[in-house]
C-alpha atoms as a PDB file:
ATOM      1  CA  MET A   1     -17.629 -21.101  -5.686  1.00  0.00           C
ATOM      2  CA  LYS A   2     -14.853 -19.024  -4.111  1.00  0.00           C
ATOM      3  CA  GLN A   3     -15.735 -15.367  -3.581  1.00  0.00           C
ATOM      4  CA  LYS A   4     -13.436 -12.783  -5.088  1.00  0.00           C
ATOM      5  CA  ASN A   5     -11.608 -10.739  -2.466  1.00  0.00           C
ATOM      6  CA  PRO A   6     -11.847  -7.016  -3.356  1.00  0.00           C
ATOM      7  CA  MET A   7      -8.620  -6.334  -1.419  1.00  0.00           C
ATOM      8  CA  GLU A   8      -6.526  -8.329  -3.920  1.00  0.00           C
ATOM      9  CA  THR A   9      -5.707  -7.940  -7.588  1.00  0.00           C
ATOM     10  CA  LYS A  10      -4.677 -10.577 -10.117  1.00  0.00           C
ATOM     11  CA  ASN A  11      -1.025  -9.581 -10.591  1.00  0.00           C
ATOM     12  CA  LYS A  12       0.802 -10.570  -7.424  1.00  0.00           C
ATOM     13  CA  THR A  13       3.939 -12.005  -9.040  1.00  0.00           C
ATOM     14  CA  SER A  14       5.927  -8.757  -8.875  1.00  0.00           C
ATOM     15  CA  SER A  15       4.365  -7.479  -5.641  1.00  0.00           C
ATOM     16  CA  PHE A  16       6.487  -6.525  -2.663  1.00  0.00           C
ATOM     17  CA  PRO A  17       5.775  -4.972   0.747  1.00  0.00           C
ATOM     18  CA  LEU A  18       5.510  -1.191   0.742  1.00  0.00           C
ATOM     19  CA  ILE A  19       8.016  -1.103   3.618  1.00  0.00           C
ATOM     20  CA  THR A  20      10.796  -1.953   1.106  1.00  0.00           C
ATOM     21  CA  ALA A  21       9.911   0.837  -1.358  1.00  0.00           C
ATOM     22  CA  GLN A  22      12.456   3.528  -2.173  1.00  0.00           C
ATOM     23  CA  GLU A  23      11.920   7.276  -2.138  1.00  0.00           C
ATOM     24  CA  ASN A  24      10.536   8.848  -5.329  1.00  0.00           C
ATOM     25  CA  GLU A  25       9.072   5.527  -6.532  1.00  0.00           C
ATOM     26  CA  THR A  26       5.602   5.498  -8.070  1.00  0.00           C
ATOM     27  CA  LEU A  27       3.703   2.311  -7.261  1.00  0.00           C
ATOM     28  CA  TYR A  28       0.303   0.655  -7.485  1.00  0.00           C
ATOM     29  CA  ILE A  29      -1.228  -1.045  -4.469  1.00  0.00           C
ATOM     30  CA  THR A  30      -1.881  -4.713  -5.272  1.00  0.00           C
ATOM     31  CA  GLU A  31      -2.967  -6.250  -1.983  1.00  0.00           C
ATOM     32  CA  ILE A  32      -3.785  -5.422   1.621  1.00  0.00           C
ATOM     33  CA  LYS A  33      -2.900  -8.237   4.039  1.00  0.00           C
ATOM     34  CA  GLY A  34      -4.554  -8.169   7.406  1.00  0.00           C
ATOM     35  CA  GLY A  35      -7.809  -8.467   9.279  1.00  0.00           C
ATOM     36  CA  ARG A  36     -11.087  -6.729   8.618  1.00  0.00           C
ATOM     37  CA  ARG A  37     -10.310  -3.753  10.898  1.00  0.00           C
ATOM     38  CA  PHE A  38      -6.941  -3.168   9.235  1.00  0.00           C
ATOM     39  CA  LYS A  39      -8.468  -3.353   5.758  1.00  0.00           C
ATOM     40  CA  ASP A  40     -11.244  -0.972   6.797  1.00  0.00           C
ATOM     41  CA  LYS A  41      -8.631   1.481   8.101  1.00  0.00           C
ATOM     42  CA  CYS A  42      -6.803   1.324   4.767  1.00  0.00           C
ATOM     43  CA  ILE A  43     -10.037   1.859   2.842  1.00  0.00           C
ATOM     44  CA  ASP A  44     -10.879   4.870   5.016  1.00  0.00           C
ATOM     45  CA  GLN A  45      -7.507   6.408   4.094  1.00  0.00           C
ATOM     46  CA  GLY A  46      -7.924   5.642   0.378  1.00  0.00           C
ATOM     47  CA  LEU A  47      -5.314   2.869   0.367  1.00  0.00           C
ATOM     48  CA  VAL A  48      -7.019   0.307  -1.859  1.00  0.00           C
ATOM     49  CA  PRO A  49      -5.757  -2.090  -4.557  1.00  0.00           C
ATOM     50  CA  GLY A  50      -5.285  -0.407  -7.899  1.00  0.00           C
ATOM     51  CA  ARG A  51      -4.567   2.992  -6.340  1.00  0.00           C
ATOM     52  CA  LYS A  52      -1.409   4.789  -7.481  1.00  0.00           C
ATOM     53  CA  ILE A  53       0.872   6.185  -4.769  1.00  0.00           C
ATOM     54  CA  GLU A  54       4.215   7.969  -4.742  1.00  0.00           C
ATOM     55  CA  ILE A  55       6.814   7.472  -2.001  1.00  0.00           C
ATOM     56  CA  LEU A  56       7.956  10.892  -0.805  1.00  0.00           C
ATOM     57  CA  ASN A  57      10.065   9.862   2.190  1.00  0.00           C
ATOM     58  CA  ASN A  58      11.036   6.388   3.395  1.00  0.00           C
ATOM     59  CA  SER A  59      14.182   6.673   5.485  1.00  0.00           C
ATOM     60  CA  GLY A  60      13.887   3.172   6.931  1.00  0.00           C
ATOM     61  CA  ASN A  61      13.187   4.534  10.410  1.00  0.00           C
ATOM     62  CA  GLY A  62       9.792   5.713  11.550  1.00  0.00           C
ATOM     63  CA  PRO A  63       6.771   6.294   9.347  1.00  0.00           C
ATOM     64  CA  CYS A  64       6.805   6.690   5.574  1.00  0.00           C
ATOM     65  CA  LEU A  65       5.365   9.722   3.790  1.00  0.00           C
ATOM     66  CA  VAL A  66       3.351   8.852   0.666  1.00  0.00           C
ATOM     67  CA  LYS A  67       1.423  10.942  -1.823  1.00  0.00           C
ATOM     68  CA  LEU A  68      -2.069   9.727  -2.639  1.00  0.00           C
ATOM     69  CA  PHE A  69      -3.853  11.955  -5.160  1.00  0.00           C
ATOM     70  CA  ASN A  70      -2.909  15.441  -3.922  1.00  0.00           C
ATOM     71  CA  THR A  71      -2.734  14.397  -0.274  1.00  0.00           C
ATOM     72  CA  ARG A  72       0.245  13.380   1.846  1.00  0.00           C
ATOM     73  CA  ILE A  73      -0.246  10.499   4.279  1.00  0.00           C
ATOM     74  CA  MET A  74       2.109   9.195   6.964  1.00  0.00           C
ATOM     75  CA  ILE A  75       2.002   5.399   7.230  1.00  0.00           C
ATOM     76  CA  GLY A  76       3.585   3.536  10.142  1.00  0.00           C
ATOM     77  CA  ARG A  77       6.063   0.685   9.662  1.00  0.00           C
ATOM     78  CA  GLY A  78       3.555  -1.964  10.798  1.00  0.00           C
ATOM     79  CA  MET A  79       1.046  -0.913   8.148  1.00  0.00           C
ATOM     80  CA  LEU A  80       3.770  -0.645   5.490  1.00  0.00           C
ATOM     81  CA  ALA A  81       4.678  -4.307   5.981  1.00  0.00           C
ATOM     82  CA  ARG A  82       1.101  -5.421   5.213  1.00  0.00           C
ATOM     83  CA  ILE A  83       0.464  -3.289   2.113  1.00  0.00           C
ATOM     84  CA  TYR A  84       1.792  -4.878  -1.081  1.00  0.00           C
ATOM     85  CA  VAL A  85       2.649  -2.859  -4.170  1.00  0.00           C
ATOM     86  CA  ARG A  86       4.072  -3.184  -7.691  1.00  0.00           C
ATOM     87  CA  PRO A  87       5.960  -0.708  -9.865  1.00  0.00           C
ATOM     88  CA  ALA A  88       3.851   1.692 -11.920  1.00  0.00           C
END
């Protein structure tokens, strides 16, 4: 029997990489793609599937500023490409 991966959710059809998100969008994290260390880093920062985030600044260059609960987090471009989201 295949084990369920806690880093994925069922609805992946409308998912897209966080790196392509626009400013002022509200999104839900659907999947974290990467190795165990990367996933652990995301978990430590509160970036887990099902979590709602708001894009505050994503200029296309440099890191992206997101709002998670009442906290602002800067996420680098490499991480953004491996975090998948869907519209809220």
